Amino acid sequence: MNAPVFAYYRRPLVRNRIRVVESWIAEIASRYGCDDLAGRTFVEFESPIRLLWSLGELLDQRIDANVAEQVRDLAREHGYEYDRMLTYPTPAPALWQLIGALEAAGGGIVLVPSLHHLADLEIPETVILQHFSANLNARVVWIDPAVGTARQTRVGSRPGPGGSPTGVLGEFRVSPFCAAVKMARFYCEECLTRSGLAVLADTIDELMLAIVGPAERRWSGNVDMLGEQLVVRLIRPAESRVLVVEVAETREYGDAPLDSALRRICAAGVGVRREIPSGGGTLTRYEVPIPGSVRR
């Protein structure tokens, strides 16, 4: 029997792409044997606090009522921290409804466009994901309708040394946005945990900081970099004692030396190979030894 499929997204984050997002959710759901998500798609709308305040500011513009300044003065008079009122975490009634539905169903698959849709809510995203996995028997599948890819943990059927899976363990795309490092680190941690390779978490986390961190800084505020992409794959070859972290980038820099952070990581025993594929860009493979692995 197929696991029940659910979907969750925040409406303000999809803006005018709602039809694209929902059609892509439906397509991914069909791959899991679900052709009807009626009653199992949970949509989070704008924070009512921010929405109400935006209406007050709009009223100020229309009738010059100076409502906003009067509210500020009133808040100060009553000892409220006005500046914090608009930055409170967004309430998440749809998320709570999703959690209730997962509890009733005994778990399932949850389709979410990206980590952004779980960030800045009244519950930290790390707590949400931990609760999904540990207490609700739920698996999150990240989808990205902008590029037409589903990002999920993919596990091969052959066991490797120590009984861990082999093959492509996970793959995700990093694009120019302010949470690139955060998302890369999260995806890797989730993949390693699912694959029984949590022992590598610190090393891979350090590697993501050294790879994605410079890219995020290069992208920051630079519209010329919006077309740049970076794809990370975590691969465990069969009968291998290493985890291969494969990084494919649209940027060409195959002849450039490793920066200091990557040199330090590689000096600790991580192998590295870099090449320029025939289609352009740069492909780098990092071979990370797996502690305790033995040949068979």
Foldseek 3Di string as FASTA:
>chain_A
DFFDEAEEFEVVVCDPCVVLVVVLSQVVVVVSVDNDRVVRYFYHYDAPQVVVVVVVVVVCVVPVPCPVVVVVVVCVVVVHPVVCSNLQFGEDPSLVVNLVVLQVRQEGEYEYQALVRQPRHNDHSVVSVCCNVPPRVYHYWHHHSVVGDIWHADFDDDAAFPRFTFFWGTKDKAFADQCRLVRQLVRVCVSCVVRVQNVCSVLVNLVSCQPVVVVNVVSPPDPVRRPKMKMWIWGGHHQDQWIKIKIWIQDDDQPDDRDPSVVVSVVVPKDKDKDADPVGTIIMIITGGRPPGDGD
